[in-house]
Amino acid sequence: PDLTGHEKFGLGNVKYNISRIHVTAVELPSASISLLPGSGIKLVIGNASLTIDMNWNIRTWMFRDSGRGTVHISKVFVTAVFSTPLDNTGPTSISLTSCRTTSGDIDIKLNGKS
């Protein structure tokens, strides 16, 4: 979905809109799934990266600008634990029990008119 909002900086508000957000690349060089006896599943993703392309525009009381942008997020680490209750009373369900995510580097490139 598009991201729209405003932020207050110094002497005025900055209105922004980020649209046409597309994930263009995902790399998962290290991923593993393991069973946790009696409790569920553990997913570990290491050193992943993600690239996103988008359109952006901003407007303040002094100027406005718009263009294309690319965000590259690297050194992403995720550990998630899912519980899988084993009761035979209905369909199998999976619930997220815990999740921890960290990212190391974020590179943002904005191309605009100004």
N, C-alpha and C. Protein backbone atom coordinates (compact mmCIF):
# COMPACT_ATOMS: atom_id res chain seq x y z
N PRO A 1 0.82 -1.21 0.00
CA PRO A 1 0.00 0.00 0.00
C PRO A 1 0.86 1.26 0.00
N ASP A 2 0.28 2.35 -0.45
CA ASP A 2 0.97 3.64 -0.44
C ASP A 2 1.14 4.13 0.99
N LEU A 3 2.17 4.95 1.21
CA LEU A 3 2.41 5.57 2.51
C LEU A 3 2.23 7.07 2.35
N THR A 4 1.33 7.65 3.12
CA THR A 4 1.07 9.08 3.06
C THR A 4 1.04 9.62 4.48
N GLY A 5 1.58 10.83 4.65
CA GLY A 5 1.55 11.43 5.98
C GLY A 5 2.21 12.79 5.99
N HIS A 6 2.46 13.26 7.20
CA HIS A 6 3.16 14.54 7.36
C HIS A 6 3.98 14.49 8.63
N GLU A 7 5.05 15.25 8.62
CA GLU A 7 5.94 15.38 9.76
C GLU A 7 6.21 16.85 10.00
N LYS A 8 6.36 17.24 11.26
CA LYS A 8 6.66 18.63 11.59
C LYS A 8 8.16 18.79 11.77
N PHE A 9 8.73 19.71 11.00
CA PHE A 9 10.16 20.01 11.08
C PHE A 9 10.34 21.50 11.21
N GLY A 10 10.98 21.93 12.27
CA GLY A 10 11.32 23.35 12.43
C GLY A 10 10.14 24.28 12.23
N LEU A 11 10.13 24.98 11.10
CA LEU A 11 9.14 26.03 10.86
C LEU A 11 7.88 25.56 10.14
N GLY A 12 7.75 24.29 9.83
CA GLY A 12 6.56 23.89 9.11
C GLY A 12 6.42 22.38 8.97
N ASN A 13 5.36 22.01 8.26
CA ASN A 13 5.07 20.60 8.02
C ASN A 13 5.61 20.15 6.67
N VAL A 14 6.01 18.91 6.62
CA VAL A 14 6.42 18.28 5.37
C VAL A 14 5.39 17.18 5.10
N LYS A 15 4.69 17.32 3.97
CA LYS A 15 3.73 16.30 3.56
C LYS A 15 4.43 15.37 2.57
N TYR A 16 4.21 14.07 2.72
CA TYR A 16 4.89 13.12 1.85
C TYR A 16 3.92 12.04 1.36
N ASN A 17 4.27 11.46 0.23
CA ASN A 17 3.54 10.33 -0.31
C ASN A 17 4.55 9.40 -0.98
N ILE A 18 4.51 8.13 -0.62
CA ILE A 18 5.35 7.12 -1.24
C ILE A 18 4.39 6.12 -1.89
N SER A 19 4.52 5.94 -3.21
CA SER A 19 3.58 5.10 -3.94
C SER A 19 4.30 4.16 -4.89
N ARG A 20 3.52 3.25 -5.47
CA ARG A 20 4.05 2.26 -6.42
C ARG A 20 5.26 1.53 -5.84
N ILE A 21 5.11 1.07 -4.61
CA ILE A 21 6.17 0.36 -3.90
C ILE A 21 6.25 -1.07 -4.43
N HIS A 22 7.43 -1.43 -4.94
CA HIS A 22 7.65 -2.77 -5.48
C HIS A 22 8.93 -3.37 -4.91
N VAL A 23 8.83 -4.59 -4.41
CA VAL A 23 10.02 -5.33 -3.99
C VAL A 23 10.63 -5.91 -5.26
N THR A 24 11.85 -5.50 -5.57
CA THR A 24 12.49 -5.93 -6.82
C THR A 24 13.53 -7.03 -6.62
N ALA A 25 14.00 -7.23 -5.39
CA ALA A 25 14.99 -8.29 -5.14
C ALA A 25 14.94 -8.71 -3.68
N VAL A 26 15.06 -10.00 -3.46
CA VAL A 26 15.17 -10.57 -2.11
C VAL A 26 16.26 -11.63 -2.17
N GLU A 27 17.21 -11.56 -1.26
CA GLU A 27 18.26 -12.57 -1.17
C GLU A 27 18.26 -13.18 0.23
N LEU A 28 18.21 -14.51 0.28
CA LEU A 28 18.23 -15.25 1.54
C LEU A 28 19.39 -16.25 1.50
N PRO A 29 20.63 -15.76 1.66
CA PRO A 29 21.78 -16.65 1.54
C PRO A 29 21.88 -17.69 2.63
N SER A 30 21.26 -17.43 3.76
CA SER A 30 21.33 -18.37 4.87
C SER A 30 19.96 -18.43 5.54
N ALA A 31 19.27 -19.56 5.36
CA ALA A 31 17.96 -19.74 5.99
C ALA A 31 17.84 -21.19 6.46
N SER A 32 17.25 -21.36 7.63
CA SER A 32 17.06 -22.72 8.14
C SER A 32 15.76 -22.81 8.92
N ILE A 33 15.18 -23.99 8.90
CA ILE A 33 13.98 -24.29 9.67
C ILE A 33 14.29 -25.51 10.52
N SER A 34 13.96 -25.43 11.81
CA SER A 34 14.18 -26.58 12.68
C SER A 34 12.93 -26.81 13.53
N LEU A 35 12.74 -28.07 13.89
CA LEU A 35 11.62 -28.43 14.75
C LEU A 35 12.02 -28.28 16.21
N LEU A 36 11.12 -27.73 16.99
CA LEU A 36 11.32 -27.62 18.43
C LEU A 36 10.40 -28.66 19.06
N PRO A 37 10.95 -29.75 19.55
CA PRO A 37 10.13 -30.86 20.05
C PRO A 37 9.10 -30.40 21.08
N GLY A 38 7.86 -30.74 20.80
CA GLY A 38 6.78 -30.43 21.72
C GLY A 38 6.27 -29.01 21.68
N SER A 39 6.90 -28.13 20.88
CA SER A 39 6.42 -26.75 20.90
C SER A 39 6.21 -26.12 19.54
N GLY A 40 7.01 -26.44 18.53
CA GLY A 40 6.76 -25.79 17.26
C GLY A 40 7.93 -25.81 16.30
N ILE A 41 8.06 -24.70 15.59
CA ILE A 41 9.04 -24.56 14.51
C ILE A 41 9.84 -23.28 14.71
N LYS A 42 11.14 -23.34 14.44
CA LYS A 42 12.00 -22.17 14.52
C LYS A 42 12.55 -21.86 13.13
N LEU A 43 12.39 -20.62 12.69
CA LEU A 43 12.90 -20.15 11.41
C LEU A 43 14.01 -19.15 11.68
N VAL A 44 15.17 -19.36 11.06
CA VAL A 44 16.30 -18.44 11.21
C VAL A 44 16.76 -18.03 9.81
N ILE A 45 16.80 -16.72 9.57
CA ILE A 45 17.29 -16.17 8.30
C ILE A 45 18.46 -15.27 8.64
N GLY A 46 19.58 -15.48 7.97
CA GLY A 46 20.78 -14.70 8.25
C GLY A 46 21.31 -13.99 7.03
N ASN A 47 21.77 -12.78 7.23
CA ASN A 47 22.44 -11.97 6.21
C ASN A 47 21.60 -11.79 4.94
N ALA A 48 20.31 -11.58 5.12
CA ALA A 48 19.41 -11.39 3.99
C ALA A 48 19.48 -9.94 3.50
N SER A 49 18.96 -9.72 2.29
CA SER A 49 18.88 -8.35 1.77
C SER A 49 17.59 -8.19 0.97
N LEU A 50 17.19 -6.93 0.81
CA LEU A 50 15.93 -6.60 0.17
C LEU A 50 16.11 -5.29 -0.58
N THR A 51 15.59 -5.22 -1.82
CA THR A 51 15.63 -3.98 -2.60
C THR A 51 14.21 -3.59 -2.96
N ILE A 52 13.87 -2.31 -2.76
CA ILE A 52 12.53 -1.79 -3.01
C ILE A 52 12.64 -0.57 -3.90
N ASP A 53 11.82 -0.51 -4.96
CA ASP A 53 11.70 0.68 -5.80
C ASP A 53 10.38 1.36 -5.50
N MET A 54 10.33 2.69 -5.70
CA MET A 54 9.12 3.43 -5.36
C MET A 54 9.08 4.78 -6.05
N ASN A 55 7.91 5.39 -6.08
CA ASN A 55 7.75 6.80 -6.43
C ASN A 55 7.60 7.57 -5.13
N TRP A 56 8.04 8.81 -5.10
CA TRP A 56 7.90 9.62 -3.90
C TRP A 56 7.59 11.07 -4.29
N ASN A 57 6.93 11.78 -3.39
CA ASN A 57 6.79 13.22 -3.53
C ASN A 57 6.65 13.84 -2.15
N ILE A 58 7.19 15.04 -2.03
CA ILE A 58 7.10 15.81 -0.79
C ILE A 58 6.64 17.22 -1.11
N ARG A 59 6.00 17.85 -0.12
CA ARG A 59 5.53 19.22 -0.29
C ARG A 59 5.65 19.96 1.04
N THR A 60 6.25 21.13 0.99
CA THR A 60 6.33 22.02 2.14
C THR A 60 5.78 23.38 1.72
N TRP A 61 5.78 24.32 2.63
CA TRP A 61 5.30 25.66 2.28
C TRP A 61 6.26 26.36 1.33
N MET A 62 7.51 25.88 1.25
CA MET A 62 8.51 26.52 0.39
C MET A 62 8.69 25.85 -0.96
N PHE A 63 8.57 24.53 -1.03
CA PHE A 63 8.85 23.84 -2.29
C PHE A 63 8.13 22.49 -2.32
N ARG A 64 8.16 21.91 -3.49
CA ARG A 64 7.68 20.54 -3.67
C ARG A 64 8.61 19.83 -4.63
N ASP A 65 8.72 18.52 -4.48
CA ASP A 65 9.57 17.73 -5.34
C ASP A 65 9.01 16.32 -5.42
N SER A 66 9.38 15.61 -6.46
CA SER A 66 8.94 14.23 -6.63
C SER A 66 9.95 13.49 -7.49
N GLY A 67 9.86 12.18 -7.48
CA GLY A 67 10.78 11.39 -8.30
C GLY A 67 10.66 9.91 -7.99
N ARG A 68 11.71 9.19 -8.33
CA ARG A 68 11.80 7.75 -8.09
C ARG A 68 12.84 7.51 -6.99
N GLY A 69 12.70 6.40 -6.31
CA GLY A 69 13.65 6.08 -5.26
C GLY A 69 13.89 4.58 -5.17
N THR A 70 15.04 4.24 -4.60
CA THR A 70 15.41 2.84 -4.35
C THR A 70 15.91 2.74 -2.92
N VAL A 71 15.44 1.73 -2.22
CA VAL A 71 15.90 1.45 -0.86
C VAL A 71 16.49 0.05 -0.87
N HIS A 72 17.73 -0.07 -0.40
CA HIS A 72 18.39 -1.38 -0.28
C HIS A 72 18.69 -1.61 1.20
N ILE A 73 18.13 -2.68 1.73
CA ILE A 73 18.33 -3.04 3.14
C ILE A 73 19.16 -4.32 3.15
N SER A 74 20.27 -4.30 3.88
CA SER A 74 21.14 -5.48 3.92
C SER A 74 21.50 -5.84 5.35
N LYS A 75 22.13 -6.99 5.48
CA LYS A 75 22.52 -7.53 6.79
C LYS A 75 21.29 -7.70 7.69
N VAL A 76 20.23 -8.28 7.11
CA VAL A 76 18.98 -8.52 7.83
C VAL A 76 19.03 -9.90 8.47
N PHE A 77 18.71 -9.96 9.76
CA PHE A 77 18.68 -11.21 10.50
C PHE A 77 17.31 -11.37 11.15
N VAL A 78 16.69 -12.53 10.97
CA VAL A 78 15.35 -12.79 11.51
C VAL A 78 15.37 -14.12 12.24
N THR A 79 14.81 -14.14 13.44
CA THR A 79 14.57 -15.39 14.16
C THR A 79 13.10 -15.38 14.57
N ALA A 80 12.36 -16.37 14.13
CA ALA A 80 10.94 -16.46 14.44
C ALA A 80 10.62 -17.86 14.96
N VAL A 81 9.76 -17.91 15.98
CA VAL A 81 9.32 -19.18 16.54
C VAL A 81 7.81 -19.26 16.36
N PHE A 82 7.36 -20.36 15.79
CA PHE A 82 5.94 -20.61 15.56
C PHE A 82 5.51 -21.78 16.42
N SER A 83 4.36 -21.66 17.07
CA SER A 83 3.84 -22.78 17.84
C SER A 83 2.81 -23.53 16.99
N THR A 84 2.81 -24.83 17.16
CA THR A 84 1.89 -25.68 16.41
C THR A 84 1.20 -26.61 17.41
N PRO A 85 0.07 -26.17 17.95
CA PRO A 85 -0.64 -27.02 18.91
C PRO A 85 -1.01 -28.36 18.28
N LEU A 86 -0.77 -29.42 19.01
CA LEU A 86 -1.04 -30.76 18.48
C LEU A 86 -2.25 -31.38 19.18
N ASP A 87 -3.39 -30.75 19.02
CA ASP A 87 -4.61 -31.38 19.50
C ASP A 87 -5.39 -31.85 18.27
N ASN A 88 -6.00 -32.95 18.37
CA ASN A 88 -6.69 -33.53 17.22
C ASN A 88 -8.14 -33.09 17.13
N THR A 89 -8.44 -31.88 17.60
CA THR A 89 -9.82 -31.44 17.64
C THR A 89 -10.22 -30.62 16.41
N GLY A 90 -9.32 -30.29 15.56
CA GLY A 90 -9.67 -29.49 14.39
C GLY A 90 -8.49 -29.35 13.46
N PRO A 91 -8.58 -28.40 12.53
CA PRO A 91 -7.49 -28.22 11.57
C PRO A 91 -6.21 -27.73 12.26
N THR A 92 -5.08 -28.05 11.66
CA THR A 92 -3.79 -27.63 12.20
C THR A 92 -3.68 -26.11 12.12
N SER A 93 -3.19 -25.50 13.18
CA SER A 93 -3.00 -24.04 13.20
C SER A 93 -1.56 -23.73 13.55
N ILE A 94 -1.11 -22.58 13.10
CA ILE A 94 0.25 -22.11 13.40
C ILE A 94 0.13 -20.68 13.92
N SER A 95 0.79 -20.41 15.05
CA SER A 95 0.79 -19.07 15.65
C SER A 95 2.22 -18.59 15.82
N LEU A 96 2.44 -17.31 15.56
CA LEU A 96 3.76 -16.71 15.79
C LEU A 96 3.92 -16.46 17.28
N THR A 97 4.92 -17.11 17.89
CA THR A 97 5.16 -16.99 19.32
C THR A 97 6.14 -15.86 19.63
N SER A 98 7.21 -15.77 18.83
CA SER A 98 8.18 -14.70 19.02
C SER A 98 8.87 -14.40 17.70
N CYS A 99 9.35 -13.16 17.59
CA CYS A 99 10.04 -12.76 16.37
C CYS A 99 11.04 -11.66 16.73
N ARG A 100 12.24 -11.79 16.22
CA ARG A 100 13.29 -10.78 16.43
C ARG A 100 13.94 -10.51 15.08
N THR A 101 14.01 -9.23 14.73
CA THR A 101 14.59 -8.84 13.44
C THR A 101 15.56 -7.70 13.66
N THR A 102 16.72 -7.76 13.01
CA THR A 102 17.67 -6.66 13.02
C THR A 102 18.15 -6.43 11.60
N SER A 103 18.50 -5.18 11.31
CA SER A 103 19.08 -4.87 10.00
C SER A 103 20.34 -4.05 10.22
N GLY A 104 21.31 -4.25 9.35
CA GLY A 104 22.59 -3.59 9.52
C GLY A 104 22.73 -2.31 8.72
N ASP A 105 22.42 -2.37 7.43
CA ASP A 105 22.63 -1.21 6.55
C ASP A 105 21.38 -0.90 5.76
N ILE A 106 21.09 0.39 5.61
CA ILE A 106 20.00 0.85 4.77
C ILE A 106 20.56 1.95 3.86
N ASP A 107 20.45 1.73 2.55
CA ASP A 107 20.93 2.68 1.55
C ASP A 107 19.71 3.22 0.81
N ILE A 108 19.49 4.55 0.86
CA ILE A 108 18.34 5.18 0.22
C ILE A 108 18.85 6.11 -0.86
N LYS A 109 18.35 5.93 -2.09
CA LYS A 109 18.70 6.80 -3.20
C LYS A 109 17.41 7.42 -3.75
N LEU A 110 17.34 8.75 -3.74
CA LEU A 110 16.20 9.48 -4.24
C LEU A 110 16.61 10.28 -5.46
N ASN A 111 15.91 10.11 -6.56
CA ASN A 111 16.14 10.90 -7.76
C ASN A 111 14.92 11.77 -7.97
N GLY A 112 15.14 13.09 -8.03
CA GLY A 112 14.04 14.02 -8.20
C GLY A 112 14.41 15.18 -9.08
N LYS A 113 13.52 16.13 -9.12
CA LYS A 113 13.73 17.30 -9.98
C LYS A 113 14.71 18.29 -9.39
N SER A 114 14.77 18.36 -8.06
CA SER A 114 15.64 19.35 -7.40
C SER A 114 17.04 18.80 -7.22
